């Protein structure tokens, strides 16, 4: 075997070794997620039925019931959070991309990155101080504010990154036609980047959907239907937490079912993100 053949064989060995190592590492990363999903399905699928989605929790000690109020409460809180987080986050991202100065933008980006790493319970304490104390009670408003604050820094950063991908030629051509800058940003830049902006919003929604700690200080939870947003409201994470620490086996079973439903909700949101970004990524690879 000459030198060239030995070198080629050694390269194949190194390639196979690194490929196997990469596959092993990827398997180690995915395996815990697969085990969690498998356990959630085996432990919680048996408790999911029509009553789970349509009935309220049963009184303490009784079996059966469901989490209809918690499912509706989670969707309500996500809606309230979006009313706060989406406009502020998107407009903040537009400012960073289109208007702000270099020094000011650096500080805003730095602040957003720091806020992205703040523990969720801190946001709950902030909302407790700003909303719960002045209103003298827990409420859906307080929960929505806490979750909305958590959405803002993530949406700001994703919106900015998406807008920066829009070619400057679009802006220059519109300016050459005499179009005002605000119309350029609204009708050209943001419209071009709409899929990416929506993707960032959905990712922020998936990020806050499973939060429990901030809701303990704000929404507090409710075993019944909430008829006014000034009252405490149920949410899936809160209901799961309450059932998980209870001494009743039936509540434990429903807690696993609630966790499975919550995971499926987040999974569907991520499927929506993939659907929105598929065309953009496929276009980039062609």
C-alpha atoms as a PDB file:
ATOM      1  CA  UNK A   1       0.000   0.000   0.000  1.00  0.00           C
ATOM      2  CA  UNK A   2       1.542   3.283  -1.068  1.00  0.00           C
ATOM      3  CA  UNK A   3       1.543   6.499   0.966  1.00  0.00           C
ATOM      4  CA  UNK A   4      -1.466   7.971  -0.840  1.00  0.00           C
ATOM      5  CA  UNK A   5      -3.613   4.900  -0.126  1.00  0.00           C
ATOM      6  CA  UNK A   6      -2.620   4.847   3.545  1.00  0.00           C
ATOM      7  CA  UNK A   7      -3.419   8.557   3.858  1.00  0.00           C
ATOM      8  CA  UNK A   8      -6.822   8.016   2.206  1.00  0.00           C
ATOM      9  CA  UNK A   9      -7.623   5.101   4.535  1.00  0.00           C
ATOM     10  CA  UNK A  10      -6.622   7.179   7.576  1.00  0.00           C
ATOM     11  CA  UNK A  11      -8.893   9.998   6.442  1.00  0.00           C
ATOM     12  CA  UNK A  12     -11.810   7.547   6.134  1.00  0.00           C
ATOM     13  CA  UNK A  13     -11.139   6.252   9.656  1.00  0.00           C
ATOM     14  CA  UNK A  14     -11.102   9.791  11.066  1.00  0.00           C
ATOM     15  CA  UNK A  15     -14.272  10.661   9.172  1.00  0.00           C
ATOM     16  CA  UNK A  16     -16.112   7.582  10.451  1.00  0.00           C
ATOM     17  CA  UNK A  17     -14.875   8.209  13.999  1.00  0.00           C
ATOM     18  CA  UNK A  18     -16.049  11.837  14.040  1.00  0.00           C
ATOM     19  CA  UNK A  19     -19.361  10.903  12.419  1.00  0.00           C
ATOM     20  CA  UNK A  20     -19.964   8.240  15.050  1.00  0.00           C
ATOM     21  CA  UNK A  21     -18.994  10.641  17.841  1.00  0.00           C
ATOM     22  CA  UNK A  22     -21.336  13.313  16.503  1.00  0.00           C
ATOM     23  CA  UNK A  23     -24.185  10.813  16.221  1.00  0.00           C
ATOM     24  CA  UNK A  24     -23.576   9.625  19.780  1.00  0.00           C
ATOM     25  CA  UNK A  25     -23.617  13.181  21.126  1.00  0.00           C
ATOM     26  CA  UNK A  26     -26.810  13.989  19.208  1.00  0.00           C
ATOM     27  CA  UNK A  27     -28.430  10.829  20.598  1.00  0.00           C
ATOM     28  CA  UNK A  28     -27.420  11.771  24.135  1.00  0.00           C
ATOM     29  CA  UNK A  29     -29.020  15.189  23.660  1.00  0.00           C
ATOM     30  CA  UNK A  30     -32.268  13.864  22.181  1.00  0.00           C
ATOM     31  CA  UNK A  31     -32.635  10.829  24.447  1.00  0.00           C
ATOM     32  CA  UNK A  32     -33.724  12.743  27.602  1.00  0.00           C
ATOM     33  CA  UNK A  33     -36.388  14.581  25.598  1.00  0.00           C
ATOM     34  CA  UNK A  34     -37.629  11.306  24.159  1.00  0.00           C
ATOM     35  CA  UNK A  35     -37.725   9.707  27.600  1.00  0.00           C
ATOM     36  CA  UNK A  36     -39.668  12.671  29.027  1.00  0.00           C
ATOM     37  CA  UNK A  37     -42.215  12.511  26.206  1.00  0.00           C
ATOM     38  CA  UNK A  38     -42.532   8.743  26.554  1.00  0.00           C
ATOM     39  CA  UNK A  39     -43.132   8.974  30.297  1.00  0.00           C
ATOM     40  CA  UNK A  40     -45.633  11.819  29.875  1.00  0.00           C
ATOM     41  CA  UNK A  41     -47.583   9.768  27.332  1.00  0.00           C
ATOM     42  CA  UNK A  42     -47.596   6.608  29.430  1.00  0.00           C
ATOM     43  CA  UNK A  43     -48.465   8.442  32.672  1.00  0.00           C
ATOM     44  CA  UNK A  44     -50.880  11.048  31.377  1.00  0.00           C
ATOM     45  CA  UNK A  45     -52.580   9.716  28.255  1.00  0.00           C
ATOM     46  CA  UNK A  46     -54.895   7.513  30.303  1.00  0.00           C
ATOM     47  CA  UNK A  47     -56.368  10.539  32.110  1.00  0.00           C
ATOM     48  CA  UNK A  48     -57.138  12.483  28.941  1.00  0.00           C
ATOM     49  CA  UNK A  49     -60.739  12.187  27.829  1.00  0.00           C
ATOM     50  CA  UNK A  50     -63.635  14.438  26.891  1.00  0.00           C
ATOM     51  CA  UNK A  51     -64.306  15.296  30.545  1.00  0.00           C
ATOM     52  CA  UNK A  52     -60.743  16.482  30.991  1.00  0.00           C
ATOM     53  CA  UNK A  53     -61.333  19.257  28.441  1.00  0.00           C
ATOM     54  CA  UNK A  54     -64.906  20.151  29.441  1.00  0.00           C
ATOM     55  CA  UNK A  55     -65.251  19.803  33.221  1.00  0.00           C
ATOM     56  CA  UNK A  56     -63.981  21.779  36.195  1.00  0.00           C
ATOM     57  CA  UNK A  57     -61.793  20.185  38.897  1.00  0.00           C
ATOM     58  CA  UNK A  58     -63.705  18.061  41.348  1.00  0.00           C
ATOM     59  CA  UNK A  59     -63.745  18.910  45.080  1.00  0.00           C
ATOM     60  CA  UNK A  60     -60.942  17.600  47.247  1.00  0.00           C
ATOM     61  CA  UNK A  61     -61.181  13.833  47.684  1.00  0.00           C
ATOM     62  CA  UNK A  62     -63.440  13.172  44.692  1.00  0.00           C
ATOM     63  CA  UNK A  63     -62.130  11.488  41.559  1.00  0.00           C
ATOM     64  CA  UNK A  64     -62.675  12.653  38.009  1.00  0.00           C
ATOM     65  CA  UNK A  65     -63.177  16.165  36.754  1.00  0.00           C
ATOM     66  CA  UNK A  66     -60.997  18.029  34.344  1.00  0.00           C
ATOM     67  CA  UNK A  67     -58.953  21.151  33.644  1.00  0.00           C
ATOM     68  CA  UNK A  68     -61.232  23.086  31.312  1.00  0.00           C
ATOM     69  CA  UNK A  69     -60.849  26.271  33.328  1.00  0.00           C
ATOM     70  CA  UNK A  70     -57.057  25.919  33.388  1.00  0.00           C
ATOM     71  CA  UNK A  71     -56.851  25.426  29.611  1.00  0.00           C
ATOM     72  CA  UNK A  72     -59.029  28.471  28.966  1.00  0.00           C
ATOM     73  CA  UNK A  73     -57.078  30.403  31.607  1.00  0.00           C
ATOM     74  CA  UNK A  74     -53.765  29.624  29.933  1.00  0.00           C
ATOM     75  CA  UNK A  75     -55.073  30.850  26.582  1.00  0.00           C
ATOM     76  CA  UNK A  76     -56.475  33.982  28.265  1.00  0.00           C
ATOM     77  CA  UNK A  77     -53.157  34.758  29.927  1.00  0.00           C
ATOM     78  CA  UNK A  78     -51.301  34.232  26.645  1.00  0.00           C
ATOM     79  CA  UNK A  79     -53.708  36.647  24.970  1.00  0.00           C
ATOM     80  CA  UNK A  80     -53.231  39.296  27.662  1.00  0.00           C
ATOM     81  CA  UNK A  81     -49.466  38.844  27.561  1.00  0.00           C
ATOM     82  CA  UNK A  82     -49.479  39.226  23.772  1.00  0.00           C
ATOM     83  CA  UNK A  83     -51.390  42.509  24.051  1.00  0.00           C
ATOM     84  CA  UNK A  84     -48.482  43.851  26.086  1.00  0.00           C
ATOM     85  CA  UNK A  85     -45.462  42.030  24.729  1.00  0.00           C
ATOM     86  CA  UNK A  86     -46.121  42.004  20.986  1.00  0.00           C
ATOM     87  CA  UNK A  87     -46.617  45.750  20.305  1.00  0.00           C
ATOM     88  CA  UNK A  88     -43.801  46.832  22.621  1.00  0.00           C
ATOM     89  CA  UNK A  89     -41.432  44.125  21.427  1.00  0.00           C
ATOM     90  CA  UNK A  90     -42.071  44.621  17.704  1.00  0.00           C
ATOM     91  CA  UNK A  91     -41.850  48.416  17.890  1.00  0.00           C
ATOM     92  CA  UNK A  92     -38.699  48.112  19.983  1.00  0.00           C
ATOM     93  CA  UNK A  93     -37.157  45.859  17.344  1.00  0.00           C
ATOM     94  CA  UNK A  94     -38.128  48.348  14.610  1.00  0.00           C
ATOM     95  CA  UNK A  95     -36.468  51.141  16.565  1.00  0.00           C
ATOM     96  CA  UNK A  96     -33.242  49.165  16.946  1.00  0.00           C
ATOM     97  CA  UNK A  97     -33.181  48.226  13.277  1.00  0.00           C
ATOM     98  CA  UNK A  98     -34.326  51.446  11.628  1.00  0.00           C
ATOM     99  CA  UNK A  99     -33.973  54.477  13.910  1.00  0.00           C
ATOM    100  CA  UNK A 100     -31.726  54.180  16.959  1.00  0.00           C
ATOM    101  CA  UNK A 101     -28.166  55.441  17.252  1.00  0.00           C
ATOM    102  CA  UNK A 102     -25.241  53.093  17.689  1.00  0.00           C
ATOM    103  CA  UNK A 103     -24.592  53.874  21.371  1.00  0.00           C
ATOM    104  CA  UNK A 104     -28.259  53.829  22.377  1.00  0.00           C
ATOM    105  CA  UNK A 105     -28.868  50.624  20.453  1.00  0.00           C
ATOM    106  CA  UNK A 106     -25.958  48.933  22.211  1.00  0.00           C
ATOM    107  CA  UNK A 107     -27.453  49.686  25.608  1.00  0.00           C
ATOM    108  CA  UNK A 108     -30.934  48.565  24.550  1.00  0.00           C
ATOM    109  CA  UNK A 109     -29.577  45.287  23.172  1.00  0.00           C
ATOM    110  CA  UNK A 110     -27.535  44.762  26.316  1.00  0.00           C
ATOM    111  CA  UNK A 111     -30.592  45.415  28.491  1.00  0.00           C
ATOM    112  CA  UNK A 112     -32.734  43.048  26.422  1.00  0.00           C
ATOM    113  CA  UNK A 113     -30.122  40.291  26.652  1.00  0.00           C
ATOM    114  CA  UNK A 114     -29.874  40.746  30.418  1.00  0.00           C
ATOM    115  CA  UNK A 115     -33.664  40.687  30.802  1.00  0.00           C
ATOM    116  CA  UNK A 116     -33.840  37.480  28.759  1.00  0.00           C
ATOM    117  CA  UNK A 117     -31.762  35.827  31.462  1.00  0.00           C
ATOM    118  CA  UNK A 118     -33.726  37.137  34.448  1.00  0.00           C
ATOM    119  CA  UNK A 119     -35.405  34.293  36.399  1.00  0.00           C
ATOM    120  CA  UNK A 120     -39.138  34.154  35.787  1.00  0.00           C
ATOM    121  CA  UNK A 121     -39.937  34.444  39.480  1.00  0.00           C
ATOM    122  CA  UNK A 122     -38.392  37.921  39.457  1.00  0.00           C
ATOM    123  CA  UNK A 123     -40.910  38.977  36.804  1.00  0.00           C
ATOM    124  CA  UNK A 124     -43.633  37.659  39.082  1.00  0.00           C
ATOM    125  CA  UNK A 125     -42.381  39.829  41.937  1.00  0.00           C
ATOM    126  CA  UNK A 126     -42.246  42.877  39.637  1.00  0.00           C
ATOM    127  CA  UNK A 127     -45.839  42.310  38.464  1.00  0.00           C
ATOM    128  CA  UNK A 128     -46.892  41.718  42.064  1.00  0.00           C
ATOM    129  CA  UNK A 129     -45.510  45.125  43.013  1.00  0.00           C
ATOM    130  CA  UNK A 130     -46.912  46.952  39.987  1.00  0.00           C
ATOM    131  CA  UNK A 131     -50.342  45.320  39.696  1.00  0.00           C
ATOM    132  CA  UNK A 132     -51.307  43.073  42.614  1.00  0.00           C
ATOM    133  CA  UNK A 133     -50.478  45.556  45.370  1.00  0.00           C
ATOM    134  CA  UNK A 134     -52.249  48.576  43.770  1.00  0.00           C
ATOM    135  CA  UNK A 135     -55.327  46.466  42.852  1.00  0.00           C
ATOM    136  CA  UNK A 136     -55.210  44.734  46.259  1.00  0.00           C
ATOM    137  CA  UNK A 137     -55.750  41.307  44.823  1.00  0.00           C
ATOM    138  CA  UNK A 138     -54.499  38.628  42.450  1.00  0.00           C
ATOM    139  CA  UNK A 139     -55.917  38.812  38.946  1.00  0.00           C
ATOM    140  CA  UNK A 140     -55.622  37.731  35.335  1.00  0.00           C
ATOM    141  CA  UNK A 141     -54.353  41.235  34.576  1.00  0.00           C
ATOM    142  CA  UNK A 142     -51.372  40.710  36.877  1.00  0.00           C
ATOM    143  CA  UNK A 143     -50.561  37.345  35.301  1.00  0.00           C
ATOM    144  CA  UNK A 144     -50.791  38.817  31.816  1.00  0.00           C
ATOM    145  CA  UNK A 145     -48.476  41.681  32.785  1.00  0.00           C
ATOM    146  CA  UNK A 146     -45.862  39.303  34.215  1.00  0.00           C
ATOM    147  CA  UNK A 147     -45.885  37.088  31.126  1.00  0.00           C
ATOM    148  CA  UNK A 148     -46.017  40.090  28.792  1.00  0.00           C
ATOM    149  CA  UNK A 149     -42.889  41.546  30.403  1.00  0.00           C
ATOM    150  CA  UNK A 150     -41.144  38.232  29.763  1.00  0.00           C
ATOM    151  CA  UNK A 151     -42.082  38.334  26.078  1.00  0.00           C
ATOM    152  CA  UNK A 152     -40.769  41.841  25.377  1.00  0.00           C
ATOM    153  CA  UNK A 153     -36.967  41.311  25.362  1.00  0.00           C
ATOM    154  CA  UNK A 154     -37.199  38.118  23.295  1.00  0.00           C
ATOM    155  CA  UNK A 155     -39.475  39.719  20.684  1.00  0.00           C
ATOM    156  CA  UNK A 156     -37.274  42.821  20.521  1.00  0.00           C
ATOM    157  CA  UNK A 157     -34.181  40.813  19.678  1.00  0.00           C
ATOM    158  CA  UNK A 158     -35.838  38.456  17.183  1.00  0.00           C
ATOM    159  CA  UNK A 159     -37.631  41.334  15.419  1.00  0.00           C
ATOM    160  CA  UNK A 160     -34.427  43.312  15.095  1.00  0.00           C
ATOM    161  CA  UNK A 161     -32.516  40.367  13.653  1.00  0.00           C
ATOM    162  CA  UNK A 162     -35.256  39.656  11.119  1.00  0.00           C
ATOM    163  CA  UNK A 163     -35.531  43.279  10.001  1.00  0.00           C
ATOM    164  CA  UNK A 164     -31.771  43.505   9.517  1.00  0.00           C
ATOM    165  CA  UNK A 165     -32.051  40.677   6.975  1.00  0.00           C
ATOM    166  CA  UNK A 166     -34.228  42.835   4.691  1.00  0.00           C
ATOM    167  CA  UNK A 167     -31.942  44.123   1.882  1.00  0.00           C
ATOM    168  CA  UNK A 168     -31.087  47.827   2.092  1.00  0.00           C
ATOM    169  CA  UNK A 169     -31.901  48.088  -1.603  1.00  0.00           C
ATOM    170  CA  UNK A 170     -35.603  47.949  -0.719  1.00  0.00           C
ATOM    171  CA  UNK A 171     -35.246  50.959   1.560  1.00  0.00           C
ATOM    172  CA  UNK A 172     -33.112  52.909  -0.911  1.00  0.00           C
ATOM    173  CA  UNK A 173     -35.491  52.289  -3.802  1.00  0.00           C
ATOM    174  CA  UNK A 174     -38.457  53.458  -1.727  1.00  0.00           C
ATOM    175  CA  UNK A 175     -36.591  56.569  -0.560  1.00  0.00           C
ATOM    176  CA  UNK A 176     -35.722  57.359  -4.173  1.00  0.00           C
ATOM    177  CA  UNK A 177     -39.436  57.355  -4.968  1.00  0.00           C
ATOM    178  CA  UNK A 178     -40.068  59.878  -2.194  1.00  0.00           C
ATOM    179  CA  UNK A 179     -41.946  57.516   0.131  1.00  0.00           C
ATOM    180  CA  UNK A 180     -41.889  58.654   3.781  1.00  0.00           C
ATOM    181  CA  UNK A 181     -39.700  56.600   6.032  1.00  0.00           C
ATOM    182  CA  UNK A 182     -42.531  55.488   8.306  1.00  0.00           C
ATOM    183  CA  UNK A 183     -44.395  54.070   5.312  1.00  0.00           C
ATOM    184  CA  UNK A 184     -41.247  52.311   4.124  1.00  0.00           C
ATOM    185  CA  UNK A 185     -40.851  50.623   7.494  1.00  0.00           C
ATOM    186  CA  UNK A 186     -44.529  49.736   7.784  1.00  0.00           C
ATOM    187  CA  UNK A 187     -45.437  48.682   4.240  1.00  0.00           C
ATOM    188  CA  UNK A 188     -42.138  47.411   2.860  1.00  0.00           C
ATOM    189  CA  UNK A 189     -39.646  46.438   5.551  1.00  0.00           C
ATOM    190  CA  UNK A 190     -42.084  44.957   8.079  1.00  0.00           C
ATOM    191  CA  UNK A 191     -44.205  43.354   5.378  1.00  0.00           C
ATOM    192  CA  UNK A 192     -41.132  41.672   3.912  1.00  0.00           C
ATOM    193  CA  UNK A 193     -40.074  40.398   7.337  1.00  0.00           C
ATOM    194  CA  UNK A 194     -43.589  39.496   8.513  1.00  0.00           C
ATOM    195  CA  UNK A 195     -42.976  35.739   8.620  1.00  0.00           C
ATOM    196  CA  UNK A 196     -39.898  36.194  10.775  1.00  0.00           C
ATOM    197  CA  UNK A 197     -41.689  38.596  13.119  1.00  0.00           C
ATOM    198  CA  UNK A 198     -44.573  36.169  13.574  1.00  0.00           C
ATOM    199  CA  UNK A 199     -42.048  33.402  14.200  1.00  0.00           C
ATOM    200  CA  UNK A 200     -40.452  35.440  16.981  1.00  0.00           C
ATOM    201  CA  UNK A 201     -43.850  36.123  18.537  1.00  0.00           C
ATOM    202  CA  UNK A 202     -44.771  32.432  18.489  1.00  0.00           C
ATOM    203  CA  UNK A 203     -41.451  31.456  20.033  1.00  0.00           C
ATOM    204  CA  UNK A 204     -41.993  34.010  22.796  1.00  0.00           C
ATOM    205  CA  UNK A 205     -45.474  32.573  23.368  1.00  0.00           C
ATOM    206  CA  UNK A 206     -44.064  29.063  23.624  1.00  0.00           C
ATOM    207  CA  UNK A 207     -41.441  30.393  26.033  1.00  0.00           C
ATOM    208  CA  UNK A 208     -44.000  31.722  28.526  1.00  0.00           C
ATOM    209  CA  UNK A 209     -46.734  29.104  28.100  1.00  0.00           C
ATOM    210  CA  UNK A 210     -45.267  26.785  30.718  1.00  0.00           C
ATOM    211  CA  UNK A 211     -44.216  29.372  33.304  1.00  0.00           C
ATOM    212  CA  UNK A 212     -45.436  28.705  36.837  1.00  0.00           C
ATOM    213  CA  UNK A 213     -43.377  30.863  39.205  1.00  0.00           C
ATOM    214  CA  UNK A 214     -44.584  34.304  38.028  1.00  0.00           C
ATOM    215  CA  UNK A 215     -48.217  33.152  38.116  1.00  0.00           C
ATOM    216  CA  UNK A 216     -47.924  32.157  41.777  1.00  0.00           C
ATOM    217  CA  UNK A 217     -47.444  35.843  42.603  1.00  0.00           C
ATOM    218  CA  UNK A 218     -49.993  37.204  40.146  1.00  0.00           C
ATOM    219  CA  UNK A 219     -52.754  34.964  38.747  1.00  0.00           C
ATOM    220  CA  UNK A 220     -52.701  32.760  41.887  1.00  0.00           C
ATOM    221  CA  UNK A 221     -55.054  30.124  40.418  1.00  0.00           C
ATOM    222  CA  UNK A 222     -58.769  29.402  40.606  1.00  0.00           C
ATOM    223  CA  UNK A 223     -60.738  26.143  40.829  1.00  0.00           C
ATOM    224  CA  UNK A 224     -63.733  27.686  39.050  1.00  0.00           C
ATOM    225  CA  UNK A 225     -64.452  29.726  35.934  1.00  0.00           C
ATOM    226  CA  UNK A 226     -63.113  33.269  36.010  1.00  0.00           C
ATOM    227  CA  UNK A 227     -65.848  35.697  34.984  1.00  0.00           C
ATOM    228  CA  UNK A 228     -63.794  38.877  35.329  1.00  0.00           C
ATOM    229  CA  UNK A 229     -60.160  39.586  34.571  1.00  0.00           C
ATOM    230  CA  UNK A 230     -59.804  41.321  37.940  1.00  0.00           C
ATOM    231  CA  UNK A 231     -60.252  37.951  39.665  1.00  0.00           C
ATOM    232  CA  UNK A 232     -57.683  35.151  40.123  1.00  0.00           C
ATOM    233  CA  UNK A 233     -57.523  32.849  37.131  1.00  0.00           C
ATOM    234  CA  UNK A 234     -56.548  29.216  36.615  1.00  0.00           C
ATOM    235  CA  UNK A 235     -53.696  28.153  34.352  1.00  0.00           C
ATOM    236  CA  UNK A 236     -52.322  24.779  33.343  1.00  0.00           C
ATOM    237  CA  UNK A 237     -48.911  25.261  34.992  1.00  0.00           C
ATOM    238  CA  UNK A 238     -50.566  26.324  38.256  1.00  0.00           C
ATOM    239  CA  UNK A 239     -53.033  23.437  38.160  1.00  0.00           C
ATOM    240  CA  UNK A 240     -50.254  20.955  37.432  1.00  0.00           C
ATOM    241  CA  UNK A 241     -48.221  22.332  40.340  1.00  0.00           C
ATOM    242  CA  UNK A 242     -51.183  22.136  42.725  1.00  0.00           C
ATOM    243  CA  UNK A 243     -52.068  18.580  41.711  1.00  0.00           C
ATOM    244  CA  UNK A 244     -48.458  17.390  41.747  1.00  0.00           C
ATOM    245  CA  UNK A 245     -47.911  18.352  45.408  1.00  0.00           C
ATOM    246  CA  UNK A 246     -51.252  16.891  46.537  1.00  0.00           C
ATOM    247  CA  UNK A 247     -51.559  13.514  48.324  1.00  0.00           C
ATOM    248  CA  UNK A 248     -54.223  12.154  45.926  1.00  0.00           C
ATOM    249  CA  UNK A 249     -53.346   9.609  43.253  1.00  0.00           C
ATOM    250  CA  UNK A 250     -56.109  10.804  40.925  1.00  0.00           C
ATOM    251  CA  UNK A 251     -54.761  14.351  41.062  1.00  0.00           C
ATOM    252  CA  UNK A 252     -51.281  13.040  40.297  1.00  0.00           C
ATOM    253  CA  UNK A 253     -52.704  11.273  37.254  1.00  0.00           C
ATOM    254  CA  UNK A 254     -54.397  14.477  36.095  1.00  0.00           C
ATOM    255  CA  UNK A 255     -51.213  16.447  36.703  1.00  0.00           C
ATOM    256  CA  UNK A 256     -49.414  14.178  34.222  1.00  0.00           C
ATOM    257  CA  UNK A 257     -52.292  14.630  31.786  1.00  0.00           C
ATOM    258  CA  UNK A 258     -52.099  18.420  32.154  1.00  0.00           C
ATOM    259  CA  UNK A 259     -48.349  18.318  31.561  1.00  0.00           C
ATOM    260  CA  UNK A 260     -48.920  16.280  28.404  1.00  0.00           C
ATOM    261  CA  UNK A 261     -51.531  18.756  27.126  1.00  0.00           C
ATOM    262  CA  UNK A 262     -49.188  21.664  27.856  1.00  0.00           C
ATOM    263  CA  UNK A 263     -46.345  19.969  25.989  1.00  0.00           C
ATOM    264  CA  UNK A 264     -48.662  19.330  23.036  1.00  0.00           C
ATOM    265  CA  UNK A 265     -49.687  23.005  22.992  1.00  0.00           C
ATOM    266  CA  UNK A 266     -46.049  24.094  22.883  1.00  0.00           C
ATOM    267  CA  UNK A 267     -45.344  21.428  20.255  1.00  0.00           C
ATOM    268  CA  UNK A 268     -48.121  22.789  18.037  1.00  0.00           C
ATOM    269  CA  UNK A 269     -46.737  26.311  18.403  1.00  0.00           C
ATOM    270  CA  UNK A 270     -43.316  25.083  17.303  1.00  0.00           C
ATOM    271  CA  UNK A 271     -44.893  23.272  14.364  1.00  0.00           C
ATOM    272  CA  UNK A 272     -46.403  26.611  13.369  1.00  0.00           C
ATOM    273  CA  UNK A 273     -42.967  28.210  13.606  1.00  0.00           C
ATOM    274  CA  UNK A 274     -41.490  25.532  11.369  1.00  0.00           C
ATOM    275  CA  UNK A 275     -44.288  25.987   8.845  1.00  0.00           C
ATOM    276  CA  UNK A 276     -43.715  29.727   8.728  1.00  0.00           C
ATOM    277  CA  UNK A 277     -39.951  29.448   8.330  1.00  0.00           C
ATOM    278  CA  UNK A 278     -39.888  26.496   5.929  1.00  0.00           C
ATOM    279  CA  UNK A 279     -40.426  28.596   2.808  1.00  0.00           C
ATOM    280  CA  UNK A 280     -37.778  31.103   3.816  1.00  0.00           C
ATOM    281  CA  UNK A 281     -35.152  28.438   4.529  1.00  0.00           C
ATOM    282  CA  UNK A 282     -35.997  26.465   1.387  1.00  0.00           C
ATOM    283  CA  UNK A 283     -35.685  29.647  -0.669  1.00  0.00           C
ATOM    284  CA  UNK A 284     -32.312  30.366   0.897  1.00  0.00           C
ATOM    285  CA  UNK A 285     -30.974  26.942  -0.057  1.00  0.00           C
ATOM    286  CA  UNK A 286     -31.997  27.105  -3.676  1.00  0.00           C
END
